């Protein structure tokens, strides 16, 4: 177990930790939103030991800028997609190369969760709508039945999972937007307000979940069967004030962001 981060706007510091993604090399990408008096809206990259590597994106409008950075997804070639839910000139999805240089942007109102499947299709949750982009063009849109779509993930078979905060459920769709099933997560101690916030699949295709203002994290099968839970509230090592995002790398490291703790904590499954 280890942790890294502190309040601030310097390299390795956070205004507010948001969502997390891990690339194929095991490096960690954290969306860093404004808060605690700091006007940040960027993505920070760390190695798996928490050493700062790179930052990119900035507060504002136009290419490479975001005003409410939310989620991040990584393509195997190293490109980074970052969603923003408070865009000035529309709610853009910003696209960066592996070195953090801005490449392009896609418009999507109130973009929060974002995920990319194995063939490069991009899935974005915004408002109550899920949108599928193919080659950066809208291919499909559907109503997800919830107006607070915090996170989106894709499992190993290509099914889409959505953290539906208002209905306090995780919903599963196929890649064409057809509803498959849903399951509730509002009866677990790590999730006192019942709202799923962050999702991540491990190498065995099990689903890990943190909640908005949660105090731990949970593990489910991809079919919604509960497996285990870790709960600890506080400011010490291994404790949480307000969970926000989660990512699991290919070796089983679990990374969890703490919104009001201004840090990332790293765990290994027992």
C-alpha atoms as a PDB file:
ATOM      1  CA  UNK A   1       0.000   0.000   0.000  1.00  0.00           C
ATOM      2  CA  UNK A   2       1.224   3.500  -0.846  1.00  0.00           C
ATOM      3  CA  UNK A   3      -0.162   6.923  -1.687  1.00  0.00           C
ATOM      4  CA  UNK A   4       0.932  10.056  -3.500  1.00  0.00           C
ATOM      5  CA  UNK A   5      -0.350  13.574  -4.098  1.00  0.00           C
ATOM      6  CA  UNK A   6      -1.107  16.732  -2.136  1.00  0.00           C
ATOM      7  CA  UNK A   7      -3.243  19.882  -2.605  1.00  0.00           C
ATOM      8  CA  UNK A   8      -1.854  22.295  -5.184  1.00  0.00           C
ATOM      9  CA  UNK A   9      -1.396  23.041  -8.856  1.00  0.00           C
ATOM     10  CA  UNK A  10       2.218  21.958  -9.286  1.00  0.00           C
ATOM     11  CA  UNK A  11       3.423  18.717 -10.897  1.00  0.00           C
ATOM     12  CA  UNK A  12       2.143  15.766  -8.883  1.00  0.00           C
ATOM     13  CA  UNK A  13      -0.301  17.903  -6.906  1.00  0.00           C
ATOM     14  CA  UNK A  14      -4.077  18.006  -7.300  1.00  0.00           C
ATOM     15  CA  UNK A  15      -6.851  20.588  -7.244  1.00  0.00           C
ATOM     16  CA  UNK A  16      -9.257  17.661  -7.044  1.00  0.00           C
ATOM     17  CA  UNK A  17      -8.491  14.097  -8.119  1.00  0.00           C
ATOM     18  CA  UNK A  18     -11.117  12.813 -10.537  1.00  0.00           C
ATOM     19  CA  UNK A  19     -11.028   9.641 -12.653  1.00  0.00           C
ATOM     20  CA  UNK A  20      -8.088   7.324 -13.385  1.00  0.00           C
ATOM     21  CA  UNK A  21      -6.932   5.147 -16.287  1.00  0.00           C
ATOM     22  CA  UNK A  22      -3.960   2.811 -16.730  1.00  0.00           C
ATOM     23  CA  UNK A  23      -2.166   2.194 -20.034  1.00  0.00           C
ATOM     24  CA  UNK A  24      -0.655  -1.075 -21.276  1.00  0.00           C
ATOM     25  CA  UNK A  25       2.730  -0.150 -19.771  1.00  0.00           C
ATOM     26  CA  UNK A  26       1.177   0.247 -16.331  1.00  0.00           C
ATOM     27  CA  UNK A  27       1.451   4.030 -16.219  1.00  0.00           C
ATOM     28  CA  UNK A  28      -1.354   5.945 -14.534  1.00  0.00           C
ATOM     29  CA  UNK A  29      -3.364   8.893 -15.895  1.00  0.00           C
ATOM     30  CA  UNK A  30      -5.316  11.075 -13.449  1.00  0.00           C
ATOM     31  CA  UNK A  31      -7.776  13.820 -14.354  1.00  0.00           C
ATOM     32  CA  UNK A  32      -7.157  16.822 -12.110  1.00  0.00           C
ATOM     33  CA  UNK A  33     -10.063  19.248 -11.775  1.00  0.00           C
ATOM     34  CA  UNK A  34     -10.309  22.708 -10.247  1.00  0.00           C
ATOM     35  CA  UNK A  35     -10.770  22.929  -6.515  1.00  0.00           C
ATOM     36  CA  UNK A  36      -9.293  24.046  -3.207  1.00  0.00           C
ATOM     37  CA  UNK A  37      -8.558  27.450  -4.771  1.00  0.00           C
ATOM     38  CA  UNK A  38      -6.634  25.979  -7.731  1.00  0.00           C
ATOM     39  CA  UNK A  39      -7.815  26.511 -11.327  1.00  0.00           C
ATOM     40  CA  UNK A  40      -6.626  23.206 -12.773  1.00  0.00           C
ATOM     41  CA  UNK A  41      -8.185  21.201 -15.598  1.00  0.00           C
ATOM     42  CA  UNK A  42      -5.530  18.792 -16.804  1.00  0.00           C
ATOM     43  CA  UNK A  43      -4.355  15.194 -17.054  1.00  0.00           C
ATOM     44  CA  UNK A  44      -1.332  14.061 -15.048  1.00  0.00           C
ATOM     45  CA  UNK A  45       0.676  10.927 -15.820  1.00  0.00           C
ATOM     46  CA  UNK A  46       2.551   8.866 -13.217  1.00  0.00           C
ATOM     47  CA  UNK A  47       4.383   5.563 -13.191  1.00  0.00           C
ATOM     48  CA  UNK A  48       2.980   2.745 -11.072  1.00  0.00           C
ATOM     49  CA  UNK A  49       5.062   3.866  -8.080  1.00  0.00           C
ATOM     50  CA  UNK A  50       3.560   7.351  -8.154  1.00  0.00           C
ATOM     51  CA  UNK A  51       6.486   9.159  -9.754  1.00  0.00           C
ATOM     52  CA  UNK A  52       5.332  12.146 -11.812  1.00  0.00           C
ATOM     53  CA  UNK A  53       6.029  11.808 -15.546  1.00  0.00           C
ATOM     54  CA  UNK A  54       3.991  14.330 -17.518  1.00  0.00           C
ATOM     55  CA  UNK A  55       1.079  16.768 -17.453  1.00  0.00           C
ATOM     56  CA  UNK A  56      -1.014  18.139 -20.303  1.00  0.00           C
ATOM     57  CA  UNK A  57      -4.196  20.068 -20.935  1.00  0.00           C
ATOM     58  CA  UNK A  58      -5.064  23.378 -19.335  1.00  0.00           C
ATOM     59  CA  UNK A  59      -8.033  25.369 -18.095  1.00  0.00           C
ATOM     60  CA  UNK A  60      -9.796  27.351 -20.833  1.00  0.00           C
ATOM     61  CA  UNK A  61     -11.374  26.970 -24.257  1.00  0.00           C
ATOM     62  CA  UNK A  62     -10.044  25.734 -27.572  1.00  0.00           C
ATOM     63  CA  UNK A  63      -7.837  22.846 -28.596  1.00  0.00           C
ATOM     64  CA  UNK A  64      -6.069  21.236 -25.662  1.00  0.00           C
ATOM     65  CA  UNK A  65      -8.121  23.153 -23.070  1.00  0.00           C
ATOM     66  CA  UNK A  66     -10.844  21.999 -20.676  1.00  0.00           C
ATOM     67  CA  UNK A  67     -12.973  23.674 -18.032  1.00  0.00           C
ATOM     68  CA  UNK A  68     -14.321  20.654 -16.196  1.00  0.00           C
ATOM     69  CA  UNK A  69     -12.087  17.701 -16.935  1.00  0.00           C
ATOM     70  CA  UNK A  70     -13.767  14.477 -15.867  1.00  0.00           C
ATOM     71  CA  UNK A  71     -12.598  11.167 -17.310  1.00  0.00           C
ATOM     72  CA  UNK A  72      -9.708   9.825 -19.379  1.00  0.00           C
ATOM     73  CA  UNK A  73      -9.227   6.851 -21.709  1.00  0.00           C
ATOM     74  CA  UNK A  74      -6.050   5.568 -23.375  1.00  0.00           C
ATOM     75  CA  UNK A  75      -5.707   4.038 -26.862  1.00  0.00           C
ATOM     76  CA  UNK A  76      -3.007   1.329 -27.260  1.00  0.00           C
ATOM     77  CA  UNK A  77      -1.006   3.632 -29.570  1.00  0.00           C
ATOM     78  CA  UNK A  78      -0.704   6.102 -26.677  1.00  0.00           C
ATOM     79  CA  UNK A  79      -3.322   8.662 -27.637  1.00  0.00           C
ATOM     80  CA  UNK A  80      -5.272  10.061 -24.692  1.00  0.00           C
ATOM     81  CA  UNK A  81      -8.950  11.066 -24.749  1.00  0.00           C
ATOM     82  CA  UNK A  82     -10.120  13.388 -21.955  1.00  0.00           C
ATOM     83  CA  UNK A  83     -13.748  14.364 -21.374  1.00  0.00           C
ATOM     84  CA  UNK A  84     -14.947  17.717 -20.037  1.00  0.00           C
ATOM     85  CA  UNK A  85     -18.417  18.392 -18.637  1.00  0.00           C
ATOM     86  CA  UNK A  86     -18.230  22.204 -18.361  1.00  0.00           C
ATOM     87  CA  UNK A  87     -16.939  23.261 -21.771  1.00  0.00           C
ATOM     88  CA  UNK A  88     -17.008  26.952 -22.670  1.00  0.00           C
ATOM     89  CA  UNK A  89     -17.400  26.471 -26.421  1.00  0.00           C
ATOM     90  CA  UNK A  90     -19.362  23.231 -26.204  1.00  0.00           C
ATOM     91  CA  UNK A  91     -18.354  20.299 -24.049  1.00  0.00           C
ATOM     92  CA  UNK A  92     -15.336  19.023 -25.889  1.00  0.00           C
ATOM     93  CA  UNK A  93     -13.525  15.729 -25.716  1.00  0.00           C
ATOM     94  CA  UNK A  94      -9.868  16.594 -26.074  1.00  0.00           C
ATOM     95  CA  UNK A  95      -7.454  14.209 -27.820  1.00  0.00           C
ATOM     96  CA  UNK A  96      -3.711  14.256 -27.111  1.00  0.00           C
ATOM     97  CA  UNK A  97      -0.774  12.254 -28.425  1.00  0.00           C
ATOM     98  CA  UNK A  98       1.436  10.138 -26.166  1.00  0.00           C
ATOM     99  CA  UNK A  99       3.619  13.169 -25.397  1.00  0.00           C
ATOM    100  CA  UNK A 100       0.649  15.317 -24.349  1.00  0.00           C
ATOM    101  CA  UNK A 101       0.407  17.408 -27.505  1.00  0.00           C
ATOM    102  CA  UNK A 102      -3.182  18.306 -28.492  1.00  0.00           C
ATOM    103  CA  UNK A 103      -4.359  16.618 -31.692  1.00  0.00           C
ATOM    104  CA  UNK A 104      -8.096  17.098 -32.072  1.00  0.00           C
ATOM    105  CA  UNK A 105     -11.382  17.498 -30.235  1.00  0.00           C
ATOM    106  CA  UNK A 106     -14.905  16.080 -30.476  1.00  0.00           C
ATOM    107  CA  UNK A 107     -18.057  17.838 -29.333  1.00  0.00           C
ATOM    108  CA  UNK A 108     -20.344  16.144 -26.859  1.00  0.00           C
ATOM    109  CA  UNK A 109     -22.598  18.006 -24.415  1.00  0.00           C
ATOM    110  CA  UNK A 110     -21.821  17.479 -20.723  1.00  0.00           C
ATOM    111  CA  UNK A 111     -19.256  14.723 -21.312  1.00  0.00           C
ATOM    112  CA  UNK A 112     -18.386  12.734 -18.200  1.00  0.00           C
ATOM    113  CA  UNK A 113     -17.510   9.064 -18.583  1.00  0.00           C
ATOM    114  CA  UNK A 114     -15.474   7.937 -21.596  1.00  0.00           C
ATOM    115  CA  UNK A 115     -14.222   4.527 -22.755  1.00  0.00           C
ATOM    116  CA  UNK A 116     -12.702   3.061 -25.918  1.00  0.00           C
ATOM    117  CA  UNK A 117     -13.234  -0.506 -27.142  1.00  0.00           C
ATOM    118  CA  UNK A 118     -10.748  -2.832 -28.834  1.00  0.00           C
ATOM    119  CA  UNK A 119     -11.503  -1.533 -32.336  1.00  0.00           C
ATOM    120  CA  UNK A 120     -11.211   2.135 -31.381  1.00  0.00           C
ATOM    121  CA  UNK A 121     -14.871   3.090 -31.036  1.00  0.00           C
ATOM    122  CA  UNK A 122     -15.360   5.784 -28.387  1.00  0.00           C
ATOM    123  CA  UNK A 123     -18.271   5.673 -25.912  1.00  0.00           C
ATOM    124  CA  UNK A 124     -19.199   8.808 -23.970  1.00  0.00           C
ATOM    125  CA  UNK A 125     -21.809   9.438 -21.291  1.00  0.00           C
ATOM    126  CA  UNK A 126     -23.252  12.954 -21.222  1.00  0.00           C
ATOM    127  CA  UNK A 127     -26.503  14.155 -19.674  1.00  0.00           C
ATOM    128  CA  UNK A 128     -28.822  11.149 -19.977  1.00  0.00           C
ATOM    129  CA  UNK A 129     -27.356  10.074 -23.319  1.00  0.00           C
ATOM    130  CA  UNK A 130     -24.738   7.556 -24.293  1.00  0.00           C
ATOM    131  CA  UNK A 131     -22.967   8.321 -27.581  1.00  0.00           C
ATOM    132  CA  UNK A 132     -20.873   6.007 -29.724  1.00  0.00           C
ATOM    133  CA  UNK A 133     -18.284   7.633 -31.989  1.00  0.00           C
ATOM    134  CA  UNK A 134     -16.726   5.784 -34.928  1.00  0.00           C
ATOM    135  CA  UNK A 135     -13.788   7.580 -36.565  1.00  0.00           C
ATOM    136  CA  UNK A 136     -14.730  10.625 -34.440  1.00  0.00           C
ATOM    137  CA  UNK A 137     -18.224  10.790 -35.977  1.00  0.00           C
ATOM    138  CA  UNK A 138     -21.426  10.059 -34.062  1.00  0.00           C
ATOM    139  CA  UNK A 139     -22.608   6.557 -35.015  1.00  0.00           C
ATOM    140  CA  UNK A 140     -25.228   5.798 -32.354  1.00  0.00           C
ATOM    141  CA  UNK A 141     -26.943   7.583 -29.463  1.00  0.00           C
ATOM    142  CA  UNK A 142     -29.251   6.138 -26.862  1.00  0.00           C
ATOM    143  CA  UNK A 143     -31.004   7.128 -23.649  1.00  0.00           C
ATOM    144  CA  UNK A 144     -29.280   5.450 -20.709  1.00  0.00           C
ATOM    145  CA  UNK A 145     -32.223   6.041 -18.377  1.00  0.00           C
ATOM    146  CA  UNK A 146     -30.245   8.244 -15.991  1.00  0.00           C
ATOM    147  CA  UNK A 147     -29.053  11.858 -16.158  1.00  0.00           C
ATOM    148  CA  UNK A 148     -25.859  11.432 -14.114  1.00  0.00           C
ATOM    149  CA  UNK A 149     -23.563   9.115 -16.086  1.00  0.00           C
ATOM    150  CA  UNK A 150     -20.370   9.324 -14.052  1.00  0.00           C
ATOM    151  CA  UNK A 151     -18.174   6.695 -15.711  1.00  0.00           C
ATOM    152  CA  UNK A 152     -18.105   4.320 -18.676  1.00  0.00           C
ATOM    153  CA  UNK A 153     -16.047   1.140 -19.127  1.00  0.00           C
ATOM    154  CA  UNK A 154     -15.821  -1.663 -21.701  1.00  0.00           C
ATOM    155  CA  UNK A 155     -15.344  -5.308 -20.688  1.00  0.00           C
ATOM    156  CA  UNK A 156     -13.290  -7.925 -22.508  1.00  0.00           C
ATOM    157  CA  UNK A 157     -16.253  -8.945 -24.670  1.00  0.00           C
ATOM    158  CA  UNK A 158     -17.015  -5.381 -25.757  1.00  0.00           C
ATOM    159  CA  UNK A 159     -20.050  -4.745 -23.549  1.00  0.00           C
ATOM    160  CA  UNK A 160     -20.508  -1.211 -22.220  1.00  0.00           C
ATOM    161  CA  UNK A 161     -20.903  -0.561 -18.480  1.00  0.00           C
ATOM    162  CA  UNK A 162     -22.233   2.768 -17.222  1.00  0.00           C
ATOM    163  CA  UNK A 163     -22.086   4.152 -13.677  1.00  0.00           C
ATOM    164  CA  UNK A 164     -25.603   5.597 -13.411  1.00  0.00           C
ATOM    165  CA  UNK A 165     -25.443   7.837 -10.360  1.00  0.00           C
ATOM    166  CA  UNK A 166     -29.014   9.036 -10.134  1.00  0.00           C
ATOM    167  CA  UNK A 167     -30.520   5.549 -10.238  1.00  0.00           C
ATOM    168  CA  UNK A 168     -27.733   4.130  -8.048  1.00  0.00           C
ATOM    169  CA  UNK A 169     -27.008   1.311 -10.484  1.00  0.00           C
ATOM    170  CA  UNK A 170     -24.465   0.002 -12.924  1.00  0.00           C
ATOM    171  CA  UNK A 171     -25.997  -0.629 -16.346  1.00  0.00           C
ATOM    172  CA  UNK A 172     -24.757  -2.942 -19.091  1.00  0.00           C
ATOM    173  CA  UNK A 173     -25.394  -2.342 -22.810  1.00  0.00           C
ATOM    174  CA  UNK A 174     -24.127  -3.927 -25.987  1.00  0.00           C
ATOM    175  CA  UNK A 175     -22.038  -1.788 -28.338  1.00  0.00           C
ATOM    176  CA  UNK A 176     -25.153  -0.812 -30.283  1.00  0.00           C
ATOM    177  CA  UNK A 177     -26.861   0.634 -27.203  1.00  0.00           C
ATOM    178  CA  UNK A 178     -29.211  -2.257 -26.431  1.00  0.00           C
ATOM    179  CA  UNK A 179     -29.861  -2.649 -22.703  1.00  0.00           C
ATOM    180  CA  UNK A 180     -28.727  -6.001 -21.247  1.00  0.00           C
ATOM    181  CA  UNK A 181     -29.083  -5.746 -17.446  1.00  0.00           C
ATOM    182  CA  UNK A 182     -28.407  -3.566 -14.412  1.00  0.00           C
ATOM    183  CA  UNK A 183     -27.533  -4.073 -10.768  1.00  0.00           C
ATOM    184  CA  UNK A 184     -27.763  -1.911  -7.638  1.00  0.00           C
ATOM    185  CA  UNK A 185     -24.809  -1.101  -5.391  1.00  0.00           C
ATOM    186  CA  UNK A 186     -26.586   0.975  -2.723  1.00  0.00           C
ATOM    187  CA  UNK A 187     -26.471  -1.568   0.122  1.00  0.00           C
ATOM    188  CA  UNK A 188     -22.716  -1.615   0.710  1.00  0.00           C
ATOM    189  CA  UNK A 189     -20.849   0.200   3.529  1.00  0.00           C
ATOM    190  CA  UNK A 190     -18.181   1.596   1.178  1.00  0.00           C
ATOM    191  CA  UNK A 191     -20.940   3.362  -0.749  1.00  0.00           C
ATOM    192  CA  UNK A 192     -22.974   5.382   1.786  1.00  0.00           C
ATOM    193  CA  UNK A 193     -24.810   7.521  -0.788  1.00  0.00           C
ATOM    194  CA  UNK A 194     -25.410   4.676  -3.247  1.00  0.00           C
ATOM    195  CA  UNK A 195     -24.043   6.418  -6.351  1.00  0.00           C
ATOM    196  CA  UNK A 196     -21.475   4.502  -8.444  1.00  0.00           C
ATOM    197  CA  UNK A 197     -18.744   6.900  -9.547  1.00  0.00           C
ATOM    198  CA  UNK A 198     -15.757   5.000 -10.940  1.00  0.00           C
ATOM    199  CA  UNK A 199     -15.479   1.651 -12.750  1.00  0.00           C
ATOM    200  CA  UNK A 200     -12.531  -0.512 -13.799  1.00  0.00           C
ATOM    201  CA  UNK A 201     -12.102  -4.059 -15.104  1.00  0.00           C
ATOM    202  CA  UNK A 202      -9.166  -6.193 -14.008  1.00  0.00           C
ATOM    203  CA  UNK A 203      -7.318  -8.765 -16.142  1.00  0.00           C
ATOM    204  CA  UNK A 204      -9.911 -11.419 -15.193  1.00  0.00           C
ATOM    205  CA  UNK A 205     -12.776  -9.158 -16.327  1.00  0.00           C
ATOM    206  CA  UNK A 206     -14.030  -8.588 -12.800  1.00  0.00           C
ATOM    207  CA  UNK A 207     -15.508  -5.136 -12.195  1.00  0.00           C
ATOM    208  CA  UNK A 208     -14.153  -2.850  -9.467  1.00  0.00           C
ATOM    209  CA  UNK A 209     -16.339   0.058  -8.312  1.00  0.00           C
ATOM    210  CA  UNK A 210     -16.003   3.167  -6.166  1.00  0.00           C
ATOM    211  CA  UNK A 211     -18.867   5.449  -5.242  1.00  0.00           C
ATOM    212  CA  UNK A 212     -19.293   9.204  -5.187  1.00  0.00           C
ATOM    213  CA  UNK A 213     -18.140  10.316  -1.729  1.00  0.00           C
ATOM    214  CA  UNK A 214     -17.387   6.689  -0.931  1.00  0.00           C
ATOM    215  CA  UNK A 215     -15.049   5.323   1.735  1.00  0.00           C
ATOM    216  CA  UNK A 216     -13.718   2.193   0.059  1.00  0.00           C
ATOM    217  CA  UNK A 217     -14.084   0.057  -3.042  1.00  0.00           C
ATOM    218  CA  UNK A 218     -15.922  -3.081  -4.201  1.00  0.00           C
ATOM    219  CA  UNK A 219     -15.339  -6.039  -6.502  1.00  0.00           C
ATOM    220  CA  UNK A 220     -18.087  -7.656  -8.593  1.00  0.00           C
ATOM    221  CA  UNK A 221     -18.192 -10.177 -11.396  1.00  0.00           C
ATOM    222  CA  UNK A 222     -19.038  -8.683 -14.790  1.00  0.00           C
ATOM    223  CA  UNK A 223     -22.531 -10.112 -14.259  1.00  0.00           C
ATOM    224  CA  UNK A 224     -23.138  -8.018 -11.162  1.00  0.00           C
ATOM    225  CA  UNK A 225     -22.425 -10.645  -8.493  1.00  0.00           C
ATOM    226  CA  UNK A 226     -20.810  -9.129  -5.409  1.00  0.00           C
ATOM    227  CA  UNK A 227     -17.427 -10.618  -4.438  1.00  0.00           C
ATOM    228  CA  UNK A 228     -15.724  -8.457  -1.812  1.00  0.00           C
ATOM    229  CA  UNK A 229     -15.366  -4.973  -0.350  1.00  0.00           C
ATOM    230  CA  UNK A 230     -12.740  -2.834   1.333  1.00  0.00           C
ATOM    231  CA  UNK A 231     -13.949  -0.071   3.690  1.00  0.00           C
ATOM    232  CA  UNK A 232     -11.929   2.435   5.725  1.00  0.00           C
ATOM    233  CA  UNK A 233     -12.888   6.032   6.477  1.00  0.00           C
ATOM    234  CA  UNK A 234     -10.383   8.673   7.518  1.00  0.00           C
ATOM    235  CA  UNK A 235      -7.208  10.451   6.475  1.00  0.00           C
ATOM    236  CA  UNK A 236      -4.596   7.830   7.325  1.00  0.00           C
ATOM    237  CA  UNK A 237      -2.882   5.380   5.012  1.00  0.00           C
ATOM    238  CA  UNK A 238      -5.454   3.168   3.314  1.00  0.00           C
ATOM    239  CA  UNK A 239      -8.336   5.404   4.388  1.00  0.00           C
ATOM    240  CA  UNK A 240     -10.678   7.599   2.331  1.00  0.00           C
ATOM    241  CA  UNK A 241     -12.613  10.819   2.695  1.00  0.00           C
ATOM    242  CA  UNK A 242     -14.359  10.791  -0.694  1.00  0.00           C
ATOM    243  CA  UNK A 243     -13.559   8.234  -3.389  1.00  0.00           C
ATOM    244  CA  UNK A 244     -13.897   9.325  -7.016  1.00  0.00           C
ATOM    245  CA  UNK A 245     -12.096   7.048  -9.479  1.00  0.00           C
ATOM    246  CA  UNK A 246     -10.534   3.594  -9.667  1.00  0.00           C
ATOM    247  CA  UNK A 247      -8.209   1.740 -12.048  1.00  0.00           C
ATOM    248  CA  UNK A 248      -6.735  -1.763 -11.927  1.00  0.00           C
ATOM    249  CA  UNK A 249      -3.598  -2.576 -13.915  1.00  0.00           C
ATOM    250  CA  UNK A 250      -2.683  -5.875 -15.578  1.00  0.00           C
ATOM    251  CA  UNK A 251      -0.613  -7.023 -12.579  1.00  0.00           C
ATOM    252  CA  UNK A 252      -3.426  -6.469 -10.067  1.00  0.00           C
ATOM    253  CA  UNK A 253      -2.469  -3.104  -8.594  1.00  0.00           C
ATOM    254  CA  UNK A 254      -5.557  -1.132  -7.570  1.00  0.00           C
ATOM    255  CA  UNK A 255      -5.424   2.668  -7.727  1.00  0.00           C
ATOM    256  CA  UNK A 256      -8.126   4.784  -6.067  1.00  0.00           C
ATOM    257  CA  UNK A 257      -8.493   8.568  -6.134  1.00  0.00           C
ATOM    258  CA  UNK A 258      -9.654  10.491  -3.063  1.00  0.00           C
ATOM    259  CA  UNK A 259     -11.400  13.715  -4.103  1.00  0.00           C
ATOM    260  CA  UNK A 260     -11.047  15.576  -0.803  1.00  0.00           C
ATOM    261  CA  UNK A 261      -7.877  13.733   0.172  1.00  0.00           C
ATOM    262  CA  UNK A 262      -6.085  15.172  -2.885  1.00  0.00           C
ATOM    263  CA  UNK A 263      -4.223  11.933  -3.424  1.00  0.00           C
ATOM    264  CA  UNK A 264      -4.087   8.535  -5.126  1.00  0.00           C
ATOM    265  CA  UNK A 265      -3.753   5.358  -3.077  1.00  0.00           C
ATOM    266  CA  UNK A 266      -2.353   2.087  -4.364  1.00  0.00           C
ATOM    267  CA  UNK A 267      -3.412  -1.339  -3.088  1.00  0.00           C
ATOM    268  CA  UNK A 268      -2.815  -5.019  -3.822  1.00  0.00           C
ATOM    269  CA  UNK A 269      -5.640  -7.515  -3.585  1.00  0.00           C
ATOM    270  CA  UNK A 270      -5.283  -9.993  -0.718  1.00  0.00           C
END
